[in-house]
Amino acid sequence: MGKRKVRSPKKTENRRFNPVKAKLESINECFDQLRHGLPENEEEYVEGDRITHSYVKSCYLMIIQRAVDINNVIIEFSGKTPPQQKHHSFRALHQSSAIDRETMDFFMEALDYYEKIANPYQELAPSELYDAALQLLKYGEAYTRQLENFFVSLSP
């Protein structure tokens, strides 16, 4: 049995102090997992085993859910009630100038894939999911960068 990782008191303290920063760290860990688990090309992914497909699906779902969680924390901090529908959380961030239109539009589409992955009765072709996962990596970087810049612009 390996050693457990123990968080340093400073890191734990920072997570309590800034929940958005902690959630951004968490989503970045998920991006790293997806980046390392996604085969280099579509053909390799399509021909991959069920474990590879399940891993990519799980990463995709985690990233989208973490993004929605981040959105809701930001919305709460602004004194508003987070929306019940995931789509509306991305609209709210765009309206507050935290994310740009292109990023919001991508995540609106990504939420459709999220629903297809989460619903076992909807079929999603492996090639479609591969493309969606690549786009999620691209726009995910833009999303986190935009949020970091948004908070820097709010700092005195």
N, C-alpha and C. Protein backbone atom coordinates (compact mmCIF):
# COMPACT_ATOMS: atom_id res chain seq x y z
N MET A 1 0.83 -1.17 0.00
CA MET A 1 0.00 0.00 0.00
C MET A 1 0.88 1.24 0.00
N GLY A 2 0.65 2.16 -0.92
CA GLY A 2 1.46 3.37 -1.06
C GLY A 2 1.14 4.41 -0.01
N LYS A 3 1.98 5.40 0.02
CA LYS A 3 1.78 6.49 0.96
C LYS A 3 0.68 7.41 0.45
N ARG A 4 -0.10 7.91 1.39
CA ARG A 4 -1.13 8.87 1.05
C ARG A 4 -0.53 10.24 0.90
N LYS A 5 -1.04 10.98 -0.08
CA LYS A 5 -0.60 12.36 -0.21
C LYS A 5 -1.29 13.19 0.86
N VAL A 6 -0.53 13.98 1.54
CA VAL A 6 -1.08 14.86 2.56
C VAL A 6 -0.91 16.29 2.09
N ARG A 7 -2.00 17.04 2.11
CA ARG A 7 -1.92 18.43 1.69
C ARG A 7 -1.21 19.25 2.75
N SER A 8 -0.43 20.17 2.27
CA SER A 8 0.24 21.07 3.21
C SER A 8 -0.81 22.01 3.80
N PRO A 9 -0.61 22.48 5.03
CA PRO A 9 -1.58 23.38 5.64
C PRO A 9 -1.82 24.64 4.82
N LYS A 10 -0.79 25.15 4.16
CA LYS A 10 -0.94 26.36 3.36
C LYS A 10 -1.88 26.12 2.18
N LYS A 11 -1.72 24.97 1.49
CA LYS A 11 -2.57 24.68 0.36
C LYS A 11 -4.02 24.50 0.81
N THR A 12 -4.22 23.81 1.93
CA THR A 12 -5.56 23.64 2.47
C THR A 12 -6.16 24.99 2.84
N GLU A 13 -5.36 25.85 3.44
CA GLU A 13 -5.81 27.17 3.83
C GLU A 13 -6.23 27.97 2.59
N ASN A 14 -5.44 27.92 1.53
CA ASN A 14 -5.78 28.64 0.31
C ASN A 14 -7.06 28.12 -0.31
N ARG A 15 -7.30 26.82 -0.24
CA ARG A 15 -8.53 26.25 -0.79
C ARG A 15 -9.74 26.77 -0.03
N ARG A 16 -9.63 26.90 1.27
CA ARG A 16 -10.75 27.43 2.05
C ARG A 16 -10.95 28.91 1.74
N PHE A 17 -9.88 29.61 1.53
CA PHE A 17 -9.94 31.05 1.32
C PHE A 17 -10.51 31.40 -0.04
N ASN A 18 -10.17 30.65 -1.07
CA ASN A 18 -10.58 30.99 -2.42
C ASN A 18 -11.16 29.76 -3.13
N PRO A 19 -12.46 29.54 -2.99
CA PRO A 19 -13.05 28.34 -3.60
C PRO A 19 -12.98 28.32 -5.12
N VAL A 20 -13.01 29.47 -5.77
CA VAL A 20 -12.91 29.48 -7.23
C VAL A 20 -11.53 29.02 -7.66
N LYS A 21 -10.50 29.51 -6.98
CA LYS A 21 -9.13 29.09 -7.31
C LYS A 21 -8.99 27.57 -7.10
N ALA A 22 -9.55 27.06 -6.03
CA ALA A 22 -9.48 25.62 -5.76
C ALA A 22 -10.19 24.83 -6.85
N LYS A 23 -11.34 25.33 -7.29
CA LYS A 23 -12.09 24.64 -8.35
C LYS A 23 -11.36 24.73 -9.69
N LEU A 24 -10.69 25.85 -9.93
CA LEU A 24 -9.89 25.96 -11.15
C LEU A 24 -8.72 24.98 -11.13
N GLU A 25 -8.10 24.81 -9.97
CA GLU A 25 -7.03 23.81 -9.84
C GLU A 25 -7.58 22.42 -10.12
N SER A 26 -8.77 22.15 -9.61
CA SER A 26 -9.40 20.85 -9.80
C SER A 26 -9.73 20.59 -11.27
N ILE A 27 -10.28 21.60 -11.95
CA ILE A 27 -10.62 21.41 -13.36
C ILE A 27 -9.35 21.25 -14.20
N ASN A 28 -8.29 21.95 -13.82
CA ASN A 28 -7.01 21.78 -14.54
C ASN A 28 -6.46 20.38 -14.37
N GLU A 29 -6.66 19.77 -13.21
CA GLU A 29 -6.26 18.37 -13.01
C GLU A 29 -7.05 17.46 -13.94
N CYS A 30 -8.33 17.75 -14.11
CA CYS A 30 -9.16 16.96 -15.03
C CYS A 30 -8.71 17.13 -16.47
N PHE A 31 -8.33 18.36 -16.84
CA PHE A 31 -7.80 18.57 -18.20
C PHE A 31 -6.53 17.75 -18.41
N ASP A 32 -5.66 17.72 -17.40
CA ASP A 32 -4.44 16.91 -17.51
C ASP A 32 -4.78 15.44 -17.69
N GLN A 33 -5.76 14.96 -16.94
CA GLN A 33 -6.16 13.55 -17.05
C GLN A 33 -6.68 13.26 -18.46
N LEU A 34 -7.52 14.15 -18.98
CA LEU A 34 -8.05 13.94 -20.32
C LEU A 34 -6.93 14.00 -21.36
N ARG A 35 -6.04 14.98 -21.21
CA ARG A 35 -4.93 15.14 -22.15
C ARG A 35 -4.07 13.87 -22.19
N HIS A 36 -3.83 13.26 -21.03
CA HIS A 36 -2.98 12.07 -20.97
C HIS A 36 -3.73 10.79 -21.34
N GLY A 37 -5.04 10.80 -21.22
CA GLY A 37 -5.82 9.59 -21.52
C GLY A 37 -6.37 9.53 -22.92
N LEU A 38 -6.35 10.65 -23.62
CA LEU A 38 -6.88 10.70 -24.98
C LEU A 38 -5.79 10.28 -25.96
N PRO A 39 -6.05 9.24 -26.75
CA PRO A 39 -5.04 8.83 -27.74
C PRO A 39 -4.68 9.97 -28.68
N GLU A 40 -3.52 9.86 -29.29
CA GLU A 40 -2.99 10.93 -30.13
C GLU A 40 -3.79 11.18 -31.40
N ASN A 41 -4.47 10.15 -31.90
CA ASN A 41 -5.25 10.38 -33.12
C ASN A 41 -6.61 9.69 -33.01
N GLU A 42 -7.51 10.14 -33.86
CA GLU A 42 -8.89 9.67 -33.83
C GLU A 42 -8.99 8.17 -34.10
N GLU A 43 -8.23 7.69 -35.06
CA GLU A 43 -8.30 6.27 -35.42
C GLU A 43 -7.92 5.39 -34.22
N GLU A 44 -6.88 5.79 -33.53
CA GLU A 44 -6.45 5.04 -32.34
C GLU A 44 -7.55 5.05 -31.27
N TYR A 45 -8.21 6.17 -31.13
CA TYR A 45 -9.30 6.26 -30.14
C TYR A 45 -10.49 5.40 -30.56
N VAL A 46 -10.91 5.53 -31.82
CA VAL A 46 -12.06 4.77 -32.31
C VAL A 46 -11.83 3.27 -32.16
N GLU A 47 -10.61 2.83 -32.44
CA GLU A 47 -10.29 1.41 -32.34
C GLU A 47 -9.93 0.99 -30.91
N GLY A 48 -9.90 1.94 -30.00
CA GLY A 48 -9.53 1.67 -28.61
C GLY A 48 -10.56 0.79 -27.90
N ASP A 49 -10.17 0.33 -26.73
CA ASP A 49 -11.06 -0.54 -25.96
C ASP A 49 -12.09 0.26 -25.17
N ARG A 50 -13.00 -0.46 -24.55
CA ARG A 50 -14.09 0.17 -23.78
C ARG A 50 -13.55 0.98 -22.60
N ILE A 51 -12.45 0.56 -22.03
CA ILE A 51 -11.87 1.28 -20.90
C ILE A 51 -11.41 2.67 -21.34
N THR A 52 -10.76 2.74 -22.49
CA THR A 52 -10.32 4.03 -23.01
C THR A 52 -11.51 4.93 -23.28
N HIS A 53 -12.55 4.39 -23.91
CA HIS A 53 -13.75 5.18 -24.21
C HIS A 53 -14.42 5.64 -22.92
N SER A 54 -14.52 4.75 -21.96
CA SER A 54 -15.15 5.11 -20.67
C SER A 54 -14.34 6.17 -19.94
N TYR A 55 -13.03 6.06 -20.01
CA TYR A 55 -12.15 7.02 -19.35
C TYR A 55 -12.35 8.42 -19.93
N VAL A 56 -12.37 8.52 -21.26
CA VAL A 56 -12.55 9.82 -21.92
C VAL A 56 -13.94 10.37 -21.59
N LYS A 57 -14.95 9.52 -21.62
CA LYS A 57 -16.30 9.98 -21.25
C LYS A 57 -16.33 10.51 -19.83
N SER A 58 -15.72 9.79 -18.92
CA SER A 58 -15.70 10.22 -17.51
C SER A 58 -14.99 11.55 -17.34
N CYS A 59 -13.86 11.70 -18.01
CA CYS A 59 -13.13 12.98 -17.95
C CYS A 59 -13.99 14.11 -18.50
N TYR A 60 -14.64 13.85 -19.61
CA TYR A 60 -15.50 14.87 -20.24
C TYR A 60 -16.60 15.30 -19.26
N LEU A 61 -17.27 14.33 -18.67
CA LEU A 61 -18.35 14.64 -17.73
C LEU A 61 -17.83 15.42 -16.52
N MET A 62 -16.68 15.01 -15.99
CA MET A 62 -16.11 15.71 -14.82
C MET A 62 -15.76 17.15 -15.16
N ILE A 63 -15.17 17.38 -16.30
CA ILE A 63 -14.78 18.73 -16.69
C ILE A 63 -16.00 19.64 -16.83
N ILE A 64 -17.01 19.16 -17.51
CA ILE A 64 -18.21 19.97 -17.69
C ILE A 64 -18.86 20.27 -16.34
N GLN A 65 -18.96 19.25 -15.50
CA GLN A 65 -19.58 19.47 -14.19
C GLN A 65 -18.78 20.45 -13.34
N ARG A 66 -17.47 20.35 -13.39
CA ARG A 66 -16.63 21.29 -12.63
C ARG A 66 -16.77 22.71 -13.17
N ALA A 67 -16.89 22.86 -14.48
CA ALA A 67 -17.08 24.19 -15.07
C ALA A 67 -18.41 24.78 -14.58
N VAL A 68 -19.45 23.98 -14.56
CA VAL A 68 -20.74 24.45 -14.07
C VAL A 68 -20.64 24.83 -12.60
N ASP A 69 -19.94 24.02 -11.81
CA ASP A 69 -19.73 24.33 -10.39
C ASP A 69 -19.00 25.66 -10.22
N ILE A 70 -17.96 25.87 -11.02
CA ILE A 70 -17.21 27.13 -10.97
C ILE A 70 -18.14 28.30 -11.31
N ASN A 71 -18.91 28.12 -12.38
CA ASN A 71 -19.85 29.17 -12.78
C ASN A 71 -20.79 29.52 -11.63
N ASN A 72 -21.33 28.49 -10.98
CA ASN A 72 -22.29 28.73 -9.91
C ASN A 72 -21.68 29.43 -8.71
N VAL A 73 -20.43 29.11 -8.38
CA VAL A 73 -19.76 29.80 -7.28
C VAL A 73 -19.57 31.27 -7.63
N ILE A 74 -19.16 31.55 -8.86
CA ILE A 74 -18.98 32.94 -9.29
C ILE A 74 -20.30 33.69 -9.25
N ILE A 75 -21.35 33.04 -9.70
CA ILE A 75 -22.68 33.67 -9.70
C ILE A 75 -23.13 33.95 -8.26
N GLU A 76 -22.91 32.98 -7.37
CA GLU A 76 -23.26 33.18 -5.95
C GLU A 76 -22.49 34.34 -5.35
N PHE A 77 -21.19 34.42 -5.64
CA PHE A 77 -20.37 35.51 -5.11
C PHE A 77 -20.84 36.87 -5.61
N SER A 78 -21.49 36.89 -6.77
CA SER A 78 -22.00 38.16 -7.28
C SER A 78 -23.33 38.53 -6.64
N GLY A 79 -23.81 37.68 -5.74
CA GLY A 79 -25.04 37.96 -5.01
C GLY A 79 -26.30 37.44 -5.68
N LYS A 80 -26.14 36.63 -6.71
CA LYS A 80 -27.29 36.08 -7.42
C LYS A 80 -27.45 34.60 -7.11
N THR A 81 -28.62 34.08 -7.41
CA THR A 81 -28.88 32.66 -7.23
C THR A 81 -28.46 31.93 -8.50
N PRO A 82 -27.65 30.87 -8.36
CA PRO A 82 -27.25 30.11 -9.56
C PRO A 82 -28.47 29.53 -10.27
N PRO A 83 -28.44 29.52 -11.59
CA PRO A 83 -29.57 28.98 -12.35
C PRO A 83 -29.66 27.47 -12.20
N GLN A 84 -30.85 26.96 -12.42
CA GLN A 84 -31.03 25.51 -12.33
C GLN A 84 -30.51 24.80 -13.57
N GLN A 85 -30.54 25.45 -14.70
CA GLN A 85 -30.06 24.82 -15.93
C GLN A 85 -28.61 25.20 -16.18
N LYS A 86 -27.83 24.20 -16.53
CA LYS A 86 -26.40 24.38 -16.75
C LYS A 86 -26.10 25.43 -17.82
N HIS A 87 -26.87 25.43 -18.89
CA HIS A 87 -26.66 26.38 -19.99
C HIS A 87 -26.67 27.83 -19.49
N HIS A 88 -27.59 28.10 -18.58
CA HIS A 88 -27.75 29.47 -18.10
C HIS A 88 -26.55 29.96 -17.30
N SER A 89 -25.81 29.03 -16.70
CA SER A 89 -24.64 29.47 -15.92
C SER A 89 -23.55 30.02 -16.86
N PHE A 90 -23.43 29.45 -18.05
CA PHE A 90 -22.45 29.97 -19.01
C PHE A 90 -22.91 31.31 -19.58
N ARG A 91 -24.22 31.44 -19.79
CA ARG A 91 -24.75 32.73 -20.26
C ARG A 91 -24.48 33.83 -19.22
N ALA A 92 -24.70 33.49 -17.96
CA ALA A 92 -24.49 34.47 -16.88
C ALA A 92 -23.03 34.92 -16.83
N LEU A 93 -22.10 33.98 -17.01
CA LEU A 93 -20.69 34.37 -17.00
C LEU A 93 -20.34 35.24 -18.21
N HIS A 94 -20.93 34.92 -19.34
CA HIS A 94 -20.70 35.76 -20.53
C HIS A 94 -21.26 37.16 -20.31
N GLN A 95 -22.45 37.25 -19.74
CA GLN A 95 -23.08 38.55 -19.51
C GLN A 95 -22.28 39.40 -18.51
N SER A 96 -21.56 38.72 -17.61
CA SER A 96 -20.73 39.47 -16.65
C SER A 96 -19.32 39.72 -17.20
N SER A 97 -19.09 39.37 -18.45
CA SER A 97 -17.81 39.54 -19.15
C SER A 97 -16.69 38.67 -18.59
N ALA A 98 -17.05 37.59 -17.92
CA ALA A 98 -16.03 36.66 -17.41
C ALA A 98 -15.51 35.75 -18.51
N ILE A 99 -16.38 35.39 -19.47
CA ILE A 99 -15.96 34.58 -20.61
C ILE A 99 -16.47 35.24 -21.89
N ASP A 100 -15.78 34.97 -22.99
CA ASP A 100 -16.19 35.58 -24.25
C ASP A 100 -17.29 34.76 -24.93
N ARG A 101 -17.83 35.31 -25.97
CA ARG A 101 -18.95 34.70 -26.69
C ARG A 101 -18.57 33.33 -27.27
N GLU A 102 -17.40 33.25 -27.87
CA GLU A 102 -16.96 32.00 -28.49
C GLU A 102 -16.86 30.87 -27.46
N THR A 103 -16.33 31.19 -26.29
CA THR A 103 -16.20 30.18 -25.22
C THR A 103 -17.58 29.77 -24.73
N MET A 104 -18.47 30.74 -24.53
CA MET A 104 -19.84 30.42 -24.11
C MET A 104 -20.51 29.52 -25.15
N ASP A 105 -20.40 29.87 -26.42
CA ASP A 105 -21.03 29.06 -27.48
C ASP A 105 -20.48 27.64 -27.48
N PHE A 106 -19.16 27.51 -27.30
CA PHE A 106 -18.60 26.16 -27.25
C PHE A 106 -19.22 25.36 -26.11
N PHE A 107 -19.26 25.95 -24.92
CA PHE A 107 -19.78 25.20 -23.77
C PHE A 107 -21.27 24.89 -23.90
N MET A 108 -22.01 25.72 -24.62
CA MET A 108 -23.42 25.40 -24.89
C MET A 108 -23.50 24.11 -25.70
N GLU A 109 -22.63 24.00 -26.69
CA GLU A 109 -22.59 22.79 -27.51
C GLU A 109 -22.04 21.61 -26.69
N ALA A 110 -21.03 21.88 -25.87
CA ALA A 110 -20.43 20.82 -25.04
C ALA A 110 -21.46 20.23 -24.08
N LEU A 111 -22.39 21.06 -23.62
CA LEU A 111 -23.43 20.56 -22.73
C LEU A 111 -24.36 19.58 -23.44
N ASP A 112 -24.56 19.76 -24.73
CA ASP A 112 -25.35 18.79 -25.50
C ASP A 112 -24.65 17.43 -25.52
N TYR A 113 -23.32 17.44 -25.71
CA TYR A 113 -22.56 16.19 -25.66
C TYR A 113 -22.60 15.60 -24.25
N TYR A 114 -22.51 16.46 -23.25
CA TYR A 114 -22.60 16.02 -21.85
C TYR A 114 -23.88 15.22 -21.65
N GLU A 115 -24.99 15.75 -22.13
CA GLU A 115 -26.29 15.07 -21.98
C GLU A 115 -26.30 13.74 -22.72
N LYS A 116 -25.71 13.72 -23.91
CA LYS A 116 -25.67 12.47 -24.68
C LYS A 116 -24.82 11.41 -23.97
N ILE A 117 -23.71 11.84 -23.38
CA ILE A 117 -22.84 10.89 -22.67
C ILE A 117 -23.53 10.38 -21.42
N ALA A 118 -24.19 11.28 -20.70
CA ALA A 118 -24.84 10.92 -19.45
C ALA A 118 -26.08 10.07 -19.65
N ASN A 119 -26.70 10.17 -20.82
CA ASN A 119 -27.92 9.42 -21.11
C ASN A 119 -27.55 8.14 -21.86
N PRO A 120 -27.71 6.99 -21.21
CA PRO A 120 -27.29 5.73 -21.85
C PRO A 120 -28.12 5.36 -23.09
N TYR A 121 -29.24 6.02 -23.30
CA TYR A 121 -30.08 5.68 -24.45
C TYR A 121 -29.78 6.52 -25.68
N GLN A 122 -28.88 7.48 -25.54
CA GLN A 122 -28.49 8.28 -26.70
C GLN A 122 -27.13 7.78 -27.19
N GLU A 123 -27.03 7.65 -28.48
CA GLU A 123 -25.80 7.14 -29.08
C GLU A 123 -24.89 8.29 -29.48
N LEU A 124 -23.62 8.14 -29.14
CA LEU A 124 -22.62 9.12 -29.53
C LEU A 124 -21.46 8.34 -30.14
N ALA A 125 -21.19 8.58 -31.40
CA ALA A 125 -20.13 7.87 -32.11
C ALA A 125 -18.79 8.20 -31.48
N PRO A 126 -17.90 7.21 -31.37
CA PRO A 126 -16.57 7.46 -30.79
C PRO A 126 -15.82 8.60 -31.49
N SER A 127 -15.94 8.69 -32.82
CA SER A 127 -15.25 9.76 -33.54
C SER A 127 -15.80 11.13 -33.13
N GLU A 128 -17.09 11.20 -32.88
CA GLU A 128 -17.71 12.45 -32.44
C GLU A 128 -17.21 12.84 -31.05
N LEU A 129 -17.12 11.86 -30.17
CA LEU A 129 -16.64 12.14 -28.82
C LEU A 129 -15.17 12.53 -28.84
N TYR A 130 -14.40 11.91 -29.69
CA TYR A 130 -12.98 12.27 -29.79
C TYR A 130 -12.83 13.74 -30.19
N ASP A 131 -13.57 14.14 -31.21
CA ASP A 131 -13.52 15.54 -31.64
C ASP A 131 -13.99 16.48 -30.54
N ALA A 132 -15.05 16.10 -29.85
CA ALA A 132 -15.58 16.93 -28.76
C ALA A 132 -14.56 17.05 -27.63
N ALA A 133 -13.86 15.97 -27.33
CA ALA A 133 -12.85 15.99 -26.27
C ALA A 133 -11.68 16.89 -26.65
N LEU A 134 -11.26 16.84 -27.91
CA LEU A 134 -10.19 17.74 -28.36
C LEU A 134 -10.61 19.20 -28.24
N GLN A 135 -11.84 19.47 -28.64
CA GLN A 135 -12.35 20.85 -28.54
C GLN A 135 -12.48 21.28 -27.08
N LEU A 136 -12.85 20.34 -26.21
CA LEU A 136 -12.96 20.66 -24.79
C LEU A 136 -11.61 21.05 -24.22
N LEU A 137 -10.55 20.39 -24.65
CA LEU A 137 -9.22 20.77 -24.20
C LEU A 137 -8.88 22.19 -24.67
N LYS A 138 -9.17 22.48 -25.91
CA LYS A 138 -8.87 23.80 -26.47
C LYS A 138 -9.66 24.89 -25.75
N TYR A 139 -10.96 24.73 -25.69
CA TYR A 139 -11.80 25.76 -25.10
C TYR A 139 -11.72 25.76 -23.58
N GLY A 140 -11.36 24.63 -23.02
CA GLY A 140 -11.17 24.58 -21.57
C GLY A 140 -10.03 25.46 -21.13
N GLU A 141 -8.95 25.45 -21.91
CA GLU A 141 -7.83 26.34 -21.61
C GLU A 141 -8.27 27.80 -21.71
N ALA A 142 -9.04 28.11 -22.73
CA ALA A 142 -9.52 29.48 -22.90
C ALA A 142 -10.43 29.87 -21.74
N TYR A 143 -11.29 28.97 -21.33
CA TYR A 143 -12.22 29.21 -20.22
C TYR A 143 -11.45 29.54 -18.93
N THR A 144 -10.48 28.70 -18.57
CA THR A 144 -9.75 28.93 -17.32
C THR A 144 -8.91 30.20 -17.41
N ARG A 145 -8.30 30.45 -18.55
CA ARG A 145 -7.50 31.66 -18.73
C ARG A 145 -8.38 32.91 -18.61
N GLN A 146 -9.55 32.87 -19.23
CA GLN A 146 -10.46 34.01 -19.16
C GLN A 146 -10.93 34.27 -17.74
N LEU A 147 -11.22 33.20 -16.99
CA LEU A 147 -11.65 33.39 -15.61
C LEU A 147 -10.52 33.95 -14.75
N GLU A 148 -9.32 33.45 -14.96
CA GLU A 148 -8.18 33.98 -14.21
C GLU A 148 -7.98 35.47 -14.51
N ASN A 149 -8.09 35.85 -15.78
CA ASN A 149 -7.97 37.26 -16.17
C ASN A 149 -9.11 38.09 -15.60
N PHE A 150 -10.29 37.53 -15.56
CA PHE A 150 -11.45 38.22 -15.01
C PHE A 150 -11.21 38.57 -13.54
N PHE A 151 -10.66 37.62 -12.79
CA PHE A 151 -10.42 37.88 -11.37
C PHE A 151 -9.26 38.85 -11.15
N VAL A 152 -8.28 38.80 -12.03
CA VAL A 152 -7.18 39.76 -11.94
C VAL A 152 -7.73 41.16 -12.19
N SER A 153 -8.63 41.30 -13.14
CA SER A 153 -9.20 42.63 -13.45
C SER A 153 -10.06 43.15 -12.31
N LEU A 154 -10.58 42.27 -11.47
CA LEU A 154 -11.40 42.69 -10.32
C LEU A 154 -10.56 43.07 -9.12
N SER A 155 -9.31 42.62 -9.10
CA SER A 155 -8.44 42.89 -7.96
C SER A 155 -8.04 44.36 -7.96
N PRO A 156 -7.96 44.96 -6.75
CA PRO A 156 -7.57 46.36 -6.67
C PRO A 156 -6.11 46.59 -7.00
